[in-house]
N, C-alpha and C. Protein backbone atom coordinates (compact mmCIF):
# COMPACT_ATOMS: atom_id res chain seq x y z
N MET A 1 -4.89 36.35 -26.19
CA MET A 1 -4.79 35.89 -27.55
C MET A 1 -6.16 36.05 -28.20
N ASP A 2 -6.22 36.76 -29.28
CA ASP A 2 -7.48 36.99 -30.00
C ASP A 2 -7.65 35.89 -31.06
N LEU A 3 -8.70 35.10 -30.89
CA LEU A 3 -8.93 33.99 -31.80
C LEU A 3 -10.04 34.29 -32.81
N SER A 4 -10.56 35.47 -32.77
CA SER A 4 -11.71 35.80 -33.63
C SER A 4 -11.38 35.78 -35.12
N SER A 5 -10.13 35.95 -35.48
CA SER A 5 -9.78 35.97 -36.90
C SER A 5 -9.54 34.57 -37.47
N TYR A 6 -9.51 33.56 -36.63
CA TYR A 6 -9.29 32.19 -37.09
C TYR A 6 -10.59 31.59 -37.64
N THR A 7 -10.43 30.71 -38.64
CA THR A 7 -11.59 29.98 -39.15
C THR A 7 -11.85 28.80 -38.21
N THR A 8 -13.01 28.20 -38.37
CA THR A 8 -13.33 27.03 -37.54
C THR A 8 -12.32 25.91 -37.79
N GLU A 9 -11.95 25.73 -39.03
CA GLU A 9 -10.97 24.69 -39.36
C GLU A 9 -9.63 24.97 -38.69
N GLN A 10 -9.21 26.23 -38.71
CA GLN A 10 -7.94 26.59 -38.08
C GLN A 10 -8.02 26.41 -36.56
N LEU A 11 -9.15 26.75 -35.97
CA LEU A 11 -9.33 26.57 -34.53
C LEU A 11 -9.29 25.09 -34.15
N ASN A 12 -9.94 24.23 -34.95
CA ASN A 12 -9.92 22.80 -34.68
C ASN A 12 -8.50 22.24 -34.77
N GLN A 13 -7.74 22.70 -35.76
CA GLN A 13 -6.36 22.25 -35.89
C GLN A 13 -5.52 22.74 -34.71
N LEU A 14 -5.76 23.98 -34.32
CA LEU A 14 -5.05 24.53 -33.16
C LEU A 14 -5.36 23.71 -31.90
N LYS A 15 -6.61 23.34 -31.76
CA LYS A 15 -7.02 22.54 -30.61
C LYS A 15 -6.31 21.19 -30.61
N LYS A 16 -6.25 20.54 -31.77
CA LYS A 16 -5.55 19.25 -31.88
C LYS A 16 -4.08 19.41 -31.52
N ASP A 17 -3.46 20.48 -32.04
CA ASP A 17 -2.05 20.73 -31.77
C ASP A 17 -1.81 20.96 -30.27
N ILE A 18 -2.71 21.69 -29.65
CA ILE A 18 -2.59 21.97 -28.21
C ILE A 18 -2.74 20.67 -27.41
N ASP A 19 -3.73 19.84 -27.77
CA ASP A 19 -3.94 18.57 -27.07
C ASP A 19 -2.71 17.67 -27.20
N THR A 20 -2.13 17.62 -28.38
CA THR A 20 -0.94 16.80 -28.62
C THR A 20 0.22 17.31 -27.76
N GLU A 21 0.40 18.60 -27.73
CA GLU A 21 1.48 19.19 -26.94
C GLU A 21 1.28 18.92 -25.44
N ILE A 22 0.05 19.04 -24.97
CA ILE A 22 -0.24 18.79 -23.55
C ILE A 22 0.07 17.33 -23.20
N GLN A 23 -0.33 16.41 -24.06
CA GLN A 23 -0.06 14.99 -23.80
C GLN A 23 1.45 14.73 -23.73
N GLY A 24 2.19 15.32 -24.64
CA GLY A 24 3.64 15.15 -24.64
C GLY A 24 4.28 15.71 -23.38
N ARG A 25 3.83 16.86 -22.95
CA ARG A 25 4.39 17.46 -21.74
C ARG A 25 4.03 16.66 -20.49
N ARG A 26 2.83 16.10 -20.46
CA ARG A 26 2.43 15.27 -19.30
C ARG A 26 3.32 14.03 -19.20
N LYS A 27 3.65 13.44 -20.35
CA LYS A 27 4.54 12.28 -20.34
C LYS A 27 5.93 12.67 -19.83
N GLU A 28 6.42 13.81 -20.27
CA GLU A 28 7.72 14.29 -19.81
C GLU A 28 7.68 14.57 -18.31
N ASP A 29 6.61 15.21 -17.85
CA ASP A 29 6.47 15.51 -16.42
C ASP A 29 6.41 14.23 -15.60
N ALA A 30 5.71 13.22 -16.11
CA ALA A 30 5.61 11.94 -15.40
C ALA A 30 6.99 11.29 -15.28
N LYS A 31 7.78 11.35 -16.35
CA LYS A 31 9.13 10.77 -16.30
C LYS A 31 9.99 11.51 -15.28
N LYS A 32 9.91 12.84 -15.27
CA LYS A 32 10.69 13.62 -14.31
C LYS A 32 10.27 13.30 -12.89
N ALA A 33 8.98 13.21 -12.65
CA ALA A 33 8.48 12.91 -11.31
C ALA A 33 8.94 11.52 -10.87
N GLN A 34 8.90 10.56 -11.78
CA GLN A 34 9.34 9.20 -11.46
C GLN A 34 10.83 9.19 -11.10
N GLN A 35 11.63 9.94 -11.85
CA GLN A 35 13.06 10.00 -11.56
C GLN A 35 13.32 10.63 -10.20
N GLU A 36 12.59 11.68 -9.89
CA GLU A 36 12.75 12.34 -8.59
C GLU A 36 12.34 11.41 -7.45
N MET A 37 11.22 10.71 -7.63
CA MET A 37 10.75 9.80 -6.59
C MET A 37 11.75 8.65 -6.40
N LYS A 38 12.34 8.18 -7.49
CA LYS A 38 13.31 7.10 -7.42
C LYS A 38 14.53 7.55 -6.61
N GLN A 39 14.98 8.78 -6.84
CA GLN A 39 16.12 9.31 -6.11
C GLN A 39 15.83 9.42 -4.62
N VAL A 40 14.64 9.88 -4.28
CA VAL A 40 14.26 10.01 -2.87
C VAL A 40 14.18 8.62 -2.23
N ALA A 41 13.58 7.66 -2.92
CA ALA A 41 13.47 6.30 -2.39
C ALA A 41 14.86 5.72 -2.13
N GLU A 42 15.76 5.89 -3.09
CA GLU A 42 17.10 5.35 -2.95
C GLU A 42 17.85 6.00 -1.79
N ARG A 43 17.59 7.27 -1.56
CA ARG A 43 18.24 7.99 -0.46
C ARG A 43 17.88 7.34 0.88
N TYR A 44 16.68 6.78 0.97
CA TYR A 44 16.23 6.13 2.21
C TYR A 44 16.42 4.61 2.18
N GLY A 45 17.04 4.10 1.12
CA GLY A 45 17.34 2.68 1.06
C GLY A 45 16.21 1.81 0.52
N PHE A 46 15.30 2.41 -0.22
CA PHE A 46 14.19 1.67 -0.81
C PHE A 46 14.27 1.74 -2.32
N THR A 47 13.54 0.84 -2.97
CA THR A 47 13.32 0.99 -4.40
C THR A 47 11.98 1.70 -4.56
N LEU A 48 11.74 2.21 -5.72
CA LEU A 48 10.46 2.87 -5.99
C LEU A 48 9.32 1.88 -5.86
N ASN A 49 9.54 0.65 -6.30
CA ASN A 49 8.51 -0.38 -6.18
C ASN A 49 8.16 -0.68 -4.73
N ASP A 50 9.17 -0.64 -3.84
CA ASP A 50 8.90 -0.86 -2.42
C ASP A 50 7.89 0.15 -1.89
N LEU A 51 8.06 1.38 -2.30
CA LEU A 51 7.19 2.44 -1.78
C LEU A 51 5.83 2.47 -2.46
N VAL A 52 5.80 2.16 -3.73
CA VAL A 52 4.53 2.18 -4.46
C VAL A 52 3.66 1.02 -4.05
N ALA A 53 4.27 -0.16 -3.87
CA ALA A 53 3.50 -1.34 -3.49
C ALA A 53 2.96 -1.20 -2.08
N GLY A 54 3.70 -0.57 -1.21
CA GLY A 54 3.24 -0.38 0.16
C GLY A 54 3.18 -1.68 0.92
N GLN A 55 2.47 -1.67 2.02
CA GLN A 55 2.32 -2.85 2.86
C GLN A 55 1.23 -3.73 2.31
N PRO A 56 1.36 -5.05 2.45
CA PRO A 56 0.29 -5.93 1.98
C PRO A 56 -0.97 -5.70 2.82
N ALA A 57 -2.10 -5.86 2.18
CA ALA A 57 -3.37 -5.67 2.87
C ALA A 57 -3.54 -6.74 3.93
N LYS A 58 -4.07 -6.32 5.06
CA LYS A 58 -4.34 -7.29 6.13
C LYS A 58 -5.57 -8.09 5.75
N THR A 59 -5.48 -9.37 6.00
CA THR A 59 -6.62 -10.23 5.69
C THR A 59 -7.30 -10.61 6.99
N ARG A 60 -8.58 -10.76 6.92
CA ARG A 60 -9.34 -11.16 8.09
C ARG A 60 -9.19 -12.65 8.31
N ALA A 61 -9.22 -13.01 9.58
CA ALA A 61 -9.21 -14.43 9.90
C ALA A 61 -10.57 -15.01 9.53
N LYS A 62 -10.55 -16.21 9.01
CA LYS A 62 -11.79 -16.84 8.61
C LYS A 62 -12.62 -17.14 9.84
N SER A 63 -13.92 -16.87 9.75
CA SER A 63 -14.82 -17.11 10.87
C SER A 63 -14.97 -18.60 11.13
N LYS A 64 -15.17 -18.93 12.39
CA LYS A 64 -15.35 -20.32 12.80
C LYS A 64 -16.67 -20.86 12.25
N VAL A 65 -16.64 -22.08 11.76
CA VAL A 65 -17.85 -22.72 11.25
C VAL A 65 -18.73 -23.09 12.44
N ARG A 66 -19.98 -22.70 12.39
CA ARG A 66 -20.91 -23.00 13.48
C ARG A 66 -22.06 -23.90 13.05
N PHE A 67 -22.32 -23.92 11.73
CA PHE A 67 -23.43 -24.73 11.23
C PHE A 67 -22.94 -25.54 10.04
N GLN A 68 -23.43 -26.80 9.96
CA GLN A 68 -23.02 -27.66 8.86
C GLN A 68 -24.22 -28.48 8.39
N HIS A 69 -24.30 -28.63 7.08
CA HIS A 69 -25.38 -29.42 6.49
C HIS A 69 -25.24 -30.87 6.97
N PRO A 70 -26.34 -31.54 7.33
CA PRO A 70 -26.24 -32.89 7.89
C PRO A 70 -25.76 -33.95 6.90
N THR A 71 -25.99 -33.76 5.61
CA THR A 71 -25.57 -34.79 4.64
C THR A 71 -24.46 -34.33 3.70
N ASP A 72 -24.22 -33.04 3.63
CA ASP A 72 -23.17 -32.51 2.75
C ASP A 72 -22.23 -31.65 3.59
N ALA A 73 -21.11 -32.23 4.01
CA ALA A 73 -20.17 -31.55 4.91
C ALA A 73 -19.51 -30.33 4.28
N SER A 74 -19.59 -30.20 2.97
CA SER A 74 -18.97 -29.04 2.31
C SER A 74 -19.83 -27.79 2.48
N LYS A 75 -21.06 -27.96 2.89
CA LYS A 75 -21.96 -26.82 3.09
C LYS A 75 -21.88 -26.41 4.56
N THR A 76 -21.22 -25.27 4.78
CA THR A 76 -21.07 -24.76 6.15
C THR A 76 -21.44 -23.29 6.18
N TRP A 77 -21.65 -22.80 7.42
CA TRP A 77 -21.97 -21.38 7.61
C TRP A 77 -21.47 -20.97 8.97
N SER A 78 -20.90 -19.78 9.05
CA SER A 78 -20.36 -19.28 10.31
C SER A 78 -21.42 -18.64 11.20
N GLY A 79 -22.58 -18.38 10.63
CA GLY A 79 -23.61 -17.68 11.39
C GLY A 79 -23.53 -16.18 11.18
N ARG A 80 -22.58 -15.73 10.37
CA ARG A 80 -22.41 -14.31 10.08
C ARG A 80 -22.84 -14.04 8.65
N GLY A 81 -23.31 -12.85 8.41
CA GLY A 81 -23.71 -12.47 7.06
C GLY A 81 -25.03 -13.11 6.66
N ARG A 82 -25.30 -13.07 5.38
CA ARG A 82 -26.56 -13.63 4.87
C ARG A 82 -26.60 -15.14 5.05
N LYS A 83 -27.79 -15.62 5.28
CA LYS A 83 -27.97 -17.06 5.41
C LYS A 83 -27.84 -17.70 4.03
N PRO A 84 -27.12 -18.81 3.94
CA PRO A 84 -27.04 -19.51 2.66
C PRO A 84 -28.40 -20.10 2.30
N VAL A 85 -28.58 -20.41 1.04
CA VAL A 85 -29.85 -20.96 0.55
C VAL A 85 -30.20 -22.24 1.29
N TRP A 86 -29.21 -23.10 1.53
CA TRP A 86 -29.52 -24.36 2.18
C TRP A 86 -30.03 -24.15 3.60
N ILE A 87 -29.58 -23.11 4.28
CA ILE A 87 -30.10 -22.78 5.62
C ILE A 87 -31.54 -22.29 5.50
N LYS A 88 -31.79 -21.43 4.53
CA LYS A 88 -33.15 -20.92 4.32
C LYS A 88 -34.10 -22.06 4.00
N ASP A 89 -33.65 -22.98 3.16
CA ASP A 89 -34.49 -24.14 2.82
C ASP A 89 -34.77 -24.98 4.06
N TRP A 90 -33.74 -25.18 4.87
CA TRP A 90 -33.89 -25.95 6.11
C TRP A 90 -34.96 -25.34 7.00
N GLU A 91 -34.87 -24.02 7.18
CA GLU A 91 -35.83 -23.33 8.04
C GLU A 91 -37.22 -23.31 7.42
N ALA A 92 -37.28 -23.25 6.09
CA ALA A 92 -38.58 -23.25 5.40
C ALA A 92 -39.32 -24.56 5.61
N GLU A 93 -38.56 -25.63 5.85
CA GLU A 93 -39.17 -26.93 6.15
C GLU A 93 -39.68 -27.01 7.58
N GLY A 94 -39.47 -25.92 8.35
CA GLY A 94 -39.92 -25.87 9.72
C GLY A 94 -38.94 -26.51 10.70
N ARG A 95 -37.73 -26.75 10.26
CA ARG A 95 -36.74 -27.39 11.13
C ARG A 95 -35.92 -26.31 11.82
N PRO A 96 -35.55 -26.53 13.09
CA PRO A 96 -34.79 -25.52 13.85
C PRO A 96 -33.33 -25.46 13.41
N LEU A 97 -32.82 -24.27 13.43
CA LEU A 97 -31.42 -24.02 13.05
C LEU A 97 -30.47 -24.75 14.00
N ASP A 98 -30.85 -24.89 15.25
CA ASP A 98 -29.98 -25.55 16.22
C ASP A 98 -29.64 -26.99 15.85
N GLU A 99 -30.44 -27.63 15.04
CA GLU A 99 -30.12 -29.00 14.61
C GLU A 99 -28.86 -29.04 13.74
N LEU A 100 -28.51 -27.91 13.16
CA LEU A 100 -27.33 -27.84 12.29
C LEU A 100 -26.08 -27.35 13.02
N ARG A 101 -26.25 -26.92 14.26
CA ARG A 101 -25.14 -26.35 15.04
C ARG A 101 -24.09 -27.43 15.33
N ILE A 102 -22.82 -27.07 15.12
CA ILE A 102 -21.74 -28.03 15.39
C ILE A 102 -20.80 -27.54 16.48
N ASP A 103 -20.96 -26.33 16.98
CA ASP A 103 -20.04 -25.85 18.03
C ASP A 103 -20.67 -25.87 19.39
């Protein structure tokens, strides 16, 4: 296609028309794909949502609490990951971590 005879304005309009057409076709293609996937899912006894949602993510078991603040029982730490601020403060006072151990 030779576009050299088009003006800039005509080319911009052509571009807009092409973009609009592409968007419309993508929507149609998405609908067709969804219908096909639904048919395949139903053939195997599933809904499309069953297949799209997949299996629930596995969750990790919560780590056992190994350290607890002596005056605030809500402050706990498993000993894994970064040390909480209250543990750092405790150690900064020169106190041993073992004093907080509960296991």
